[in-house]
Amino acid sequence: MKKSTILLLVLVYIVSFFVIGLLGHSIRNYNPEIYPESIEIIDPDNRTEMSKDTVDPDTGELLYNYYFVYKNYKSGDSVRIKASIKPDNCTYPDIKFTKDESDTSFKIDTHETNPNVEKNFALITLTGELETVLSTPFFVSATNPGTQIKLKVCITFVSPLLS
């Protein structure tokens, strides 16, 4: 090959890198990882009164992110709540419900402990008899490995005698 042919091939090779770099498609991830931004909790059965961001009136400290009151409790009743991750297309849509293991006054049934409970739902039931009022604090958190979102939730069961 002649020198001019070799130089022309090298020049075309170098120019092609610049042209493809400017006009070519960049590599994109077509399955992006979407992290949770918030958790929303509702009572799908509308059996409770709900309030958000309950604050201690004396100190101004946040007590609960979600606070539910279930009036006219009868023995054996349970409250079903649903937690959902926002945005809806989140990569990690699962929820974890946890409570203090030393508190035996109530139990939380989830899909992991009871297959009859739907995913991301919890069934809160008192284990003993209710005399007047009983509060059941627990935590709801996202299961993603990155950003941790953890909410403190409380359901207060009220006897029909006080209603």
N, C-alpha and C. Protein backbone atom coordinates (compact mmCIF):
# COMPACT_ATOMS: atom_id res chain seq x y z
N MET A 1 0.83 -1.17 0.00
CA MET A 1 0.00 0.00 0.00
C MET A 1 0.88 1.24 0.00
N LYS A 2 0.34 2.25 -0.61
CA LYS A 2 1.06 3.51 -0.67
C LYS A 2 0.91 4.27 0.64
N LYS A 3 1.83 5.20 0.87
CA LYS A 3 1.78 6.03 2.07
C LYS A 3 0.50 6.85 2.12
N SER A 4 0.08 7.36 1.00
CA SER A 4 -1.11 8.20 0.97
C SER A 4 -2.35 7.40 1.34
N THR A 5 -2.44 6.14 0.94
CA THR A 5 -3.59 5.29 1.27
C THR A 5 -3.62 5.01 2.77
N ILE A 6 -2.48 4.72 3.34
CA ILE A 6 -2.40 4.44 4.78
C ILE A 6 -2.77 5.69 5.58
N LEU A 7 -2.26 6.84 5.20
CA LEU A 7 -2.59 8.10 5.87
C LEU A 7 -4.07 8.42 5.75
N LEU A 8 -4.65 8.15 4.58
CA LEU A 8 -6.08 8.39 4.38
C LEU A 8 -6.91 7.47 5.28
N LEU A 9 -6.52 6.20 5.39
CA LEU A 9 -7.24 5.27 6.28
C LEU A 9 -7.14 5.70 7.74
N VAL A 10 -5.98 6.14 8.19
CA VAL A 10 -5.79 6.61 9.57
C VAL A 10 -6.65 7.85 9.81
N LEU A 11 -6.66 8.76 8.83
CA LEU A 11 -7.45 9.98 8.95
C LEU A 11 -8.95 9.66 9.02
N VAL A 12 -9.44 8.77 8.18
CA VAL A 12 -10.85 8.35 8.21
C VAL A 12 -11.16 7.68 9.55
N TYR A 13 -10.27 6.88 10.03
CA TYR A 13 -10.46 6.20 11.32
C TYR A 13 -10.59 7.20 12.46
N ILE A 14 -9.74 8.21 12.50
CA ILE A 14 -9.77 9.22 13.56
C ILE A 14 -11.03 10.08 13.43
N VAL A 15 -11.38 10.49 12.22
CA VAL A 15 -12.57 11.32 12.01
C VAL A 15 -13.84 10.53 12.37
N SER A 16 -13.85 9.24 12.11
CA SER A 16 -15.04 8.43 12.42
C SER A 16 -15.29 8.38 13.93
N PHE A 17 -14.25 8.38 14.75
CA PHE A 17 -14.43 8.43 16.21
C PHE A 17 -15.16 9.71 16.63
N PHE A 18 -14.74 10.84 16.05
CA PHE A 18 -15.38 12.12 16.40
C PHE A 18 -16.83 12.18 15.90
N VAL A 19 -17.08 11.70 14.69
CA VAL A 19 -18.43 11.74 14.13
C VAL A 19 -19.37 10.85 14.93
N ILE A 20 -18.94 9.65 15.25
CA ILE A 20 -19.78 8.74 16.04
C ILE A 20 -19.97 9.27 17.45
N GLY A 21 -18.95 9.89 18.02
CA GLY A 21 -19.08 10.48 19.35
C GLY A 21 -20.08 11.61 19.39
N LEU A 22 -20.16 12.39 18.32
CA LEU A 22 -21.10 13.52 18.27
C LEU A 22 -22.50 13.09 17.85
N LEU A 23 -22.61 12.22 16.89
CA LEU A 23 -23.91 11.86 16.33
C LEU A 23 -24.44 10.51 16.80
N GLY A 24 -23.61 9.71 17.40
CA GLY A 24 -24.04 8.38 17.81
C GLY A 24 -24.93 8.41 19.05
N HIS A 25 -25.59 7.32 19.34
CA HIS A 25 -26.47 7.19 20.50
C HIS A 25 -25.65 6.83 21.73
N SER A 26 -25.99 7.48 22.83
CA SER A 26 -25.31 7.12 24.07
C SER A 26 -25.99 5.89 24.68
N ILE A 27 -25.25 5.17 25.47
CA ILE A 27 -25.78 3.98 26.11
C ILE A 27 -26.68 4.42 27.26
N ARG A 28 -27.91 3.92 27.27
CA ARG A 28 -28.86 4.28 28.31
C ARG A 28 -29.35 3.04 29.03
N ASN A 29 -29.66 3.22 30.27
CA ASN A 29 -30.22 2.13 31.05
C ASN A 29 -31.74 2.14 30.82
N TYR A 30 -32.26 1.08 30.22
CA TYR A 30 -33.68 1.03 29.91
C TYR A 30 -34.50 0.49 31.07
N ASN A 31 -33.87 0.14 32.14
CA ASN A 31 -34.56 -0.31 33.34
C ASN A 31 -34.01 0.50 34.52
N PRO A 32 -34.35 1.79 34.60
CA PRO A 32 -33.77 2.63 35.65
C PRO A 32 -34.28 2.22 37.03
N GLU A 33 -33.47 2.45 38.04
CA GLU A 33 -33.83 2.14 39.41
C GLU A 33 -34.54 3.36 40.00
N ILE A 34 -35.80 3.18 40.39
CA ILE A 34 -36.60 4.28 40.93
C ILE A 34 -36.75 4.05 42.43
N TYR A 35 -36.22 4.97 43.21
CA TYR A 35 -36.24 4.84 44.67
C TYR A 35 -37.53 5.41 45.25
N PRO A 36 -37.96 4.88 46.39
CA PRO A 36 -39.18 5.40 47.02
C PRO A 36 -38.96 6.81 47.55
N GLU A 37 -40.00 7.61 47.47
CA GLU A 37 -39.95 8.98 47.96
C GLU A 37 -40.76 9.16 49.24
N SER A 38 -41.84 8.38 49.37
CA SER A 38 -42.68 8.49 50.56
C SER A 38 -43.52 7.23 50.71
N ILE A 39 -44.14 7.11 51.87
CA ILE A 39 -45.06 6.01 52.16
C ILE A 39 -46.39 6.64 52.55
N GLU A 40 -47.46 6.11 51.97
CA GLU A 40 -48.80 6.58 52.29
C GLU A 40 -49.56 5.45 52.98
N ILE A 41 -50.24 5.78 54.08
CA ILE A 41 -50.96 4.76 54.84
C ILE A 41 -52.42 5.17 54.91
N ILE A 42 -53.30 4.20 54.64
CA ILE A 42 -54.74 4.45 54.69
C ILE A 42 -55.45 3.31 55.40
N ASP A 43 -56.68 3.59 55.81
CA ASP A 43 -57.58 2.57 56.34
C ASP A 43 -58.59 2.28 55.24
N PRO A 44 -58.41 1.20 54.47
CA PRO A 44 -59.29 0.97 53.32
C PRO A 44 -60.74 0.66 53.72
N ASP A 45 -60.97 0.27 54.96
CA ASP A 45 -62.33 -0.07 55.41
C ASP A 45 -63.05 1.12 56.03
N ASN A 46 -62.37 2.25 56.21
CA ASN A 46 -62.94 3.45 56.81
C ASN A 46 -63.59 3.19 58.17
N ARG A 47 -62.90 2.43 58.99
CA ARG A 47 -63.41 2.12 60.34
C ARG A 47 -62.77 3.01 61.39
N THR A 48 -61.79 3.81 61.00
CA THR A 48 -61.06 4.63 61.97
C THR A 48 -61.07 6.09 61.55
N GLU A 49 -60.71 6.94 62.51
CA GLU A 49 -60.46 8.35 62.21
C GLU A 49 -58.95 8.51 62.14
N MET A 50 -58.46 9.11 61.04
CA MET A 50 -57.02 9.21 60.83
C MET A 50 -56.57 10.66 60.91
N SER A 51 -55.38 10.85 61.48
CA SER A 51 -54.75 12.17 61.42
C SER A 51 -53.27 11.95 61.10
N LYS A 52 -52.69 12.93 60.40
CA LYS A 52 -51.28 12.84 60.02
C LYS A 52 -50.47 13.79 60.89
N ASP A 53 -49.22 13.41 61.11
CA ASP A 53 -48.25 14.24 61.82
C ASP A 53 -48.78 14.74 63.16
N THR A 54 -49.04 13.80 64.06
CA THR A 54 -49.51 14.13 65.40
C THR A 54 -48.34 14.65 66.23
N VAL A 55 -48.53 15.83 66.82
CA VAL A 55 -47.46 16.51 67.55
C VAL A 55 -47.84 16.62 69.03
N ASP A 56 -46.83 16.46 69.90
CA ASP A 56 -47.02 16.66 71.34
C ASP A 56 -47.29 18.15 71.58
N PRO A 57 -48.43 18.50 72.18
CA PRO A 57 -48.75 19.92 72.35
C PRO A 57 -47.80 20.65 73.30
N ASP A 58 -47.17 19.95 74.23
CA ASP A 58 -46.28 20.59 75.18
C ASP A 58 -44.90 20.88 74.59
N THR A 59 -44.32 19.89 73.92
CA THR A 59 -42.95 20.04 73.43
C THR A 59 -42.86 20.36 71.93
N GLY A 60 -43.92 20.10 71.17
CA GLY A 60 -43.87 20.32 69.73
C GLY A 60 -43.18 19.20 68.99
N GLU A 61 -42.86 18.13 69.70
CA GLU A 61 -42.17 16.97 69.11
C GLU A 61 -43.16 16.11 68.33
N LEU A 62 -42.72 15.60 67.19
CA LEU A 62 -43.56 14.72 66.37
C LEU A 62 -43.70 13.37 67.06
N LEU A 63 -44.94 13.00 67.39
CA LEU A 63 -45.18 11.72 68.06
C LEU A 63 -45.40 10.60 67.04
N TYR A 64 -46.31 10.83 66.09
CA TYR A 64 -46.66 9.81 65.10
C TYR A 64 -46.82 10.46 63.73
N ASN A 65 -46.36 9.74 62.70
CA ASN A 65 -46.59 10.20 61.34
C ASN A 65 -48.05 9.97 60.93
N TYR A 66 -48.61 8.85 61.38
CA TYR A 66 -50.02 8.54 61.15
C TYR A 66 -50.62 8.06 62.46
N TYR A 67 -51.81 8.57 62.78
CA TYR A 67 -52.48 8.22 64.03
C TYR A 67 -53.93 7.87 63.72
N PHE A 68 -54.34 6.66 64.08
CA PHE A 68 -55.69 6.18 63.83
C PHE A 68 -56.41 5.97 65.17
N VAL A 69 -57.71 6.27 65.21
CA VAL A 69 -58.53 6.02 66.40
C VAL A 69 -59.69 5.13 65.97
N TYR A 70 -59.79 3.97 66.61
CA TYR A 70 -60.86 3.02 66.34
C TYR A 70 -61.81 3.03 67.53
N LYS A 71 -62.99 3.64 67.32
CA LYS A 71 -63.97 3.76 68.40
C LYS A 71 -64.90 2.56 68.39
N ASN A 72 -65.54 2.33 69.52
CA ASN A 72 -66.52 1.24 69.69
C ASN A 72 -65.91 -0.12 69.41
N TYR A 73 -64.74 -0.37 69.99
CA TYR A 73 -64.06 -1.65 69.83
C TYR A 73 -64.85 -2.75 70.51
N LYS A 74 -65.04 -3.85 69.80
CA LYS A 74 -65.65 -5.06 70.36
C LYS A 74 -64.61 -6.16 70.34
N SER A 75 -64.66 -7.03 71.30
CA SER A 75 -63.66 -8.10 71.41
C SER A 75 -63.57 -8.89 70.10
N GLY A 76 -62.35 -9.06 69.63
CA GLY A 76 -62.11 -9.81 68.40
C GLY A 76 -62.01 -8.94 67.16
N ASP A 77 -62.37 -7.66 67.26
CA ASP A 77 -62.25 -6.75 66.12
C ASP A 77 -60.78 -6.55 65.76
N SER A 78 -60.55 -6.26 64.51
CA SER A 78 -59.19 -5.93 64.07
C SER A 78 -59.27 -4.78 63.07
N VAL A 79 -58.18 -4.07 62.93
CA VAL A 79 -58.10 -2.95 62.00
C VAL A 79 -57.14 -3.34 60.88
N ARG A 80 -57.60 -3.12 59.66
CA ARG A 80 -56.78 -3.43 58.48
C ARG A 80 -56.30 -2.11 57.90
N ILE A 81 -54.98 -1.99 57.74
CA ILE A 81 -54.43 -0.80 57.11
C ILE A 81 -53.62 -1.20 55.88
N LYS A 82 -53.52 -0.25 54.96
CA LYS A 82 -52.76 -0.47 53.74
C LYS A 82 -51.68 0.59 53.64
N ALA A 83 -50.48 0.15 53.32
CA ALA A 83 -49.36 1.07 53.11
C ALA A 83 -48.91 0.94 51.67
N SER A 84 -48.64 2.07 51.03
CA SER A 84 -48.18 2.04 49.64
C SER A 84 -47.01 3.00 49.46
N ILE A 85 -46.09 2.57 48.63
CA ILE A 85 -44.88 3.35 48.32
C ILE A 85 -45.20 4.31 47.18
N LYS A 86 -44.70 5.51 47.30
CA LYS A 86 -44.83 6.50 46.23
C LYS A 86 -43.44 6.82 45.70
N PRO A 87 -43.21 6.93 44.43
CA PRO A 87 -44.12 6.84 43.31
C PRO A 87 -44.57 5.41 43.06
N ASP A 88 -45.66 5.27 42.31
CA ASP A 88 -46.25 3.96 42.06
C ASP A 88 -45.35 3.02 41.27
N ASN A 89 -44.46 3.56 40.45
CA ASN A 89 -43.57 2.73 39.63
C ASN A 89 -42.21 2.50 40.29
N CYS A 90 -42.18 2.53 41.61
CA CYS A 90 -40.95 2.35 42.38
C CYS A 90 -40.38 0.95 42.15
N THR A 91 -39.07 0.85 42.13
CA THR A 91 -38.41 -0.44 41.94
C THR A 91 -38.62 -1.36 43.13
N TYR A 92 -38.74 -0.78 44.33
CA TYR A 92 -38.91 -1.56 45.56
C TYR A 92 -40.26 -1.23 46.20
N PRO A 93 -41.36 -1.87 45.76
CA PRO A 93 -42.69 -1.49 46.24
C PRO A 93 -43.12 -2.16 47.56
N ASP A 94 -42.27 -2.97 48.17
CA ASP A 94 -42.69 -3.72 49.35
C ASP A 94 -42.52 -2.92 50.63
N ILE A 95 -43.35 -3.24 51.60
CA ILE A 95 -43.43 -2.56 52.89
C ILE A 95 -43.12 -3.56 53.99
N LYS A 96 -42.53 -3.06 55.08
CA LYS A 96 -42.25 -3.91 56.24
C LYS A 96 -42.91 -3.27 57.47
N PHE A 97 -43.67 -4.07 58.21
CA PHE A 97 -44.32 -3.63 59.45
C PHE A 97 -43.56 -4.25 60.62
N THR A 98 -43.14 -3.42 61.59
CA THR A 98 -42.43 -3.93 62.76
C THR A 98 -42.99 -3.29 64.02
N LYS A 99 -42.90 -4.02 65.12
CA LYS A 99 -43.33 -3.50 66.41
C LYS A 99 -42.35 -3.94 67.47
N ASP A 100 -42.46 -3.34 68.62
CA ASP A 100 -41.63 -3.72 69.76
C ASP A 100 -42.05 -5.12 70.20
N GLU A 101 -41.14 -6.06 70.17
CA GLU A 101 -41.45 -7.46 70.50
C GLU A 101 -41.88 -7.64 71.96
N SER A 102 -41.48 -6.73 72.82
CA SER A 102 -41.85 -6.87 74.23
C SER A 102 -43.30 -6.45 74.48
N ASP A 103 -43.91 -5.74 73.54
CA ASP A 103 -45.31 -5.33 73.67
C ASP A 103 -46.21 -6.45 73.17
N THR A 104 -46.82 -7.17 74.09
CA THR A 104 -47.67 -8.32 73.74
C THR A 104 -49.15 -7.98 73.77
N SER A 105 -49.49 -6.70 73.88
CA SER A 105 -50.91 -6.32 73.97
C SER A 105 -51.61 -6.39 72.62
N PHE A 106 -50.86 -6.45 71.53
CA PHE A 106 -51.45 -6.55 70.19
C PHE A 106 -50.52 -7.33 69.28
N LYS A 107 -51.08 -7.76 68.14
CA LYS A 107 -50.26 -8.47 67.15
C LYS A 107 -50.53 -7.88 65.78
N ILE A 108 -49.53 -7.98 64.94
CA ILE A 108 -49.63 -7.50 63.56
C ILE A 108 -49.48 -8.70 62.63
N ASP A 109 -50.50 -8.94 61.83
CA ASP A 109 -50.43 -9.99 60.81
C ASP A 109 -50.18 -9.33 59.46
N THR A 110 -49.15 -9.81 58.77
CA THR A 110 -48.82 -9.32 57.43
C THR A 110 -48.82 -10.51 56.47
N HIS A 111 -48.54 -10.24 55.22
CA HIS A 111 -48.50 -11.30 54.21
C HIS A 111 -47.43 -12.34 54.55
N GLU A 112 -46.35 -11.91 55.18
CA GLU A 112 -45.26 -12.82 55.53
C GLU A 112 -45.67 -13.77 56.66
N THR A 113 -46.47 -13.30 57.60
CA THR A 113 -46.87 -14.13 58.74
C THR A 113 -48.19 -14.85 58.51
N ASN A 114 -49.03 -14.32 57.62
CA ASN A 114 -50.34 -14.91 57.35
C ASN A 114 -50.63 -14.73 55.86
N PRO A 115 -50.58 -15.80 55.06
CA PRO A 115 -50.78 -15.68 53.61
C PRO A 115 -52.16 -15.15 53.21
N ASN A 116 -53.13 -15.16 54.14
CA ASN A 116 -54.47 -14.65 53.83
C ASN A 116 -54.51 -13.13 53.79
N VAL A 117 -53.51 -12.48 54.38
CA VAL A 117 -53.43 -11.01 54.37
C VAL A 117 -52.76 -10.59 53.06
N GLU A 118 -53.34 -9.59 52.40
CA GLU A 118 -52.79 -9.12 51.13
C GLU A 118 -51.43 -8.47 51.33
N LYS A 119 -50.67 -8.42 50.25
CA LYS A 119 -49.34 -7.81 50.29
C LYS A 119 -49.47 -6.31 50.57
N ASN A 120 -48.58 -5.79 51.43
CA ASN A 120 -48.56 -4.39 51.87
C ASN A 120 -49.77 -3.99 52.70
N PHE A 121 -50.47 -4.96 53.25
CA PHE A 121 -51.55 -4.74 54.20
C PHE A 121 -51.11 -5.28 55.55
N ALA A 122 -51.70 -4.76 56.61
CA ALA A 122 -51.46 -5.28 57.96
C ALA A 122 -52.79 -5.37 58.69
N LEU A 123 -52.91 -6.40 59.47
CA LEU A 123 -54.11 -6.63 60.28
C LEU A 123 -53.69 -6.52 61.73
N ILE A 124 -54.17 -5.49 62.43
CA ILE A 124 -53.78 -5.25 63.82
C ILE A 124 -54.92 -5.71 64.72
N THR A 125 -54.59 -6.61 65.64
CA THR A 125 -55.58 -7.21 66.54
C THR A 125 -55.06 -7.17 67.96
N LEU A 126 -55.96 -6.85 68.91
CA LEU A 126 -55.59 -6.87 70.32
C LEU A 126 -55.55 -8.32 70.79
N THR A 127 -54.60 -8.63 71.67
CA THR A 127 -54.47 -10.01 72.16
C THR A 127 -55.27 -10.25 73.44
N GLY A 128 -55.61 -9.19 74.14
CA GLY A 128 -56.36 -9.35 75.39
C GLY A 128 -57.65 -8.55 75.34
N GLU A 129 -58.28 -8.43 76.49
CA GLU A 129 -59.51 -7.65 76.60
C GLU A 129 -59.18 -6.17 76.77
N LEU A 130 -60.02 -5.33 76.21
CA LEU A 130 -59.84 -3.89 76.30
C LEU A 130 -60.73 -3.35 77.41
N GLU A 131 -60.10 -2.65 78.38
CA GLU A 131 -60.89 -2.07 79.46
C GLU A 131 -61.37 -0.68 79.09
N THR A 132 -60.49 0.20 78.67
CA THR A 132 -60.90 1.55 78.28
C THR A 132 -60.25 1.95 76.96
N VAL A 133 -58.95 2.24 77.00
CA VAL A 133 -58.22 2.71 75.81
C VAL A 133 -56.88 1.99 75.74
N LEU A 134 -56.48 1.61 74.52
CA LEU A 134 -55.17 0.99 74.33
C LEU A 134 -54.56 1.51 73.04
N SER A 135 -53.34 2.00 73.11
CA SER A 135 -52.61 2.47 71.93
C SER A 135 -51.62 1.42 71.49
N THR A 136 -51.52 1.24 70.18
CA THR A 136 -50.65 0.21 69.61
C THR A 136 -49.66 0.86 68.64
N PRO A 137 -48.51 1.33 69.12
CA PRO A 137 -47.53 1.95 68.22
C PRO A 137 -46.69 0.89 67.49
N PHE A 138 -46.41 1.17 66.22
CA PHE A 138 -45.55 0.30 65.42
C PHE A 138 -44.92 1.12 64.31
N PHE A 139 -44.02 0.49 63.55
CA PHE A 139 -43.29 1.18 62.49
C PHE A 139 -43.62 0.58 61.13
N VAL A 140 -43.64 1.43 60.13
CA VAL A 140 -43.83 1.02 58.73
C VAL A 140 -42.63 1.57 57.97
N SER A 141 -41.93 0.68 57.25
CA SER A 141 -40.73 1.12 56.54
C SER A 141 -40.66 0.51 55.15
N ALA A 142 -39.89 1.16 54.30
CA ALA A 142 -39.67 0.66 52.94
C ALA A 142 -38.56 -0.39 52.99
N THR A 143 -38.60 -1.33 52.06
CA THR A 143 -37.63 -2.43 52.07
C THR A 143 -36.48 -2.23 51.09
N ASN A 144 -36.35 -1.03 50.54
CA ASN A 144 -35.28 -0.81 49.56
C ASN A 144 -33.91 -0.77 50.24
N PRO A 145 -32.85 -1.14 49.52
CA PRO A 145 -31.52 -1.15 50.12
C PRO A 145 -30.89 0.23 50.24
N GLY A 146 -31.43 1.23 49.55
CA GLY A 146 -30.83 2.57 49.56
C GLY A 146 -31.45 3.46 50.62
N THR A 147 -32.20 4.45 50.19
CA THR A 147 -32.83 5.43 51.07
C THR A 147 -33.80 4.73 52.01
N GLN A 148 -33.70 5.05 53.29
CA GLN A 148 -34.56 4.41 54.28
C GLN A 148 -35.68 5.37 54.68
N ILE A 149 -36.92 4.92 54.51
CA ILE A 149 -38.09 5.68 54.95
C ILE A 149 -38.76 4.86 56.05
N LYS A 150 -38.93 5.47 57.21
CA LYS A 150 -39.51 4.76 58.35
C LYS A 150 -40.52 5.69 59.03
N LEU A 151 -41.77 5.25 59.11
CA LEU A 151 -42.83 6.03 59.72
C LEU A 151 -43.28 5.39 61.02
N LYS A 152 -43.63 6.23 61.99
CA LYS A 152 -44.18 5.73 63.24
C LYS A 152 -45.70 5.89 63.16
N VAL A 153 -46.39 4.78 63.39
CA VAL A 153 -47.84 4.73 63.26
C VAL A 153 -48.42 4.24 64.57
N CYS A 154 -49.63 4.73 64.92
CA CYS A 154 -50.30 4.29 66.13
C CYS A 154 -51.78 4.12 65.85
N ILE A 155 -52.34 3.05 66.37
CA ILE A 155 -53.79 2.85 66.34
C ILE A 155 -54.25 2.79 67.79
N THR A 156 -55.20 3.64 68.13
CA THR A 156 -55.77 3.64 69.47
C THR A 156 -57.14 3.00 69.43
N PHE A 157 -57.30 1.95 70.22
CA PHE A 157 -58.57 1.26 70.32
C PHE A 157 -59.31 1.84 71.53
N VAL A 158 -60.59 2.23 71.32
CA VAL A 158 -61.38 2.85 72.37
C VAL A 158 -62.59 1.97 72.65
N SER A 159 -62.83 1.73 73.93
CA SER A 159 -63.96 0.93 74.38
C SER A 159 -65.27 1.67 74.10
N PRO A 160 -66.38 0.94 73.82
CA PRO A 160 -67.66 1.61 73.61
C PRO A 160 -68.14 2.36 74.85
N LEU A 161 -67.61 2.04 76.02
CA LEU A 161 -68.02 2.72 77.24
C LEU A 161 -67.59 4.19 77.23
N LEU A 162 -66.50 4.51 76.52
CA LEU A 162 -65.99 5.88 76.49
C LEU A 162 -66.51 6.69 75.31
N SER A 163 -67.08 6.03 74.33
CA SER A 163 -67.52 6.73 73.12
C SER A 163 -68.79 7.52 73.35
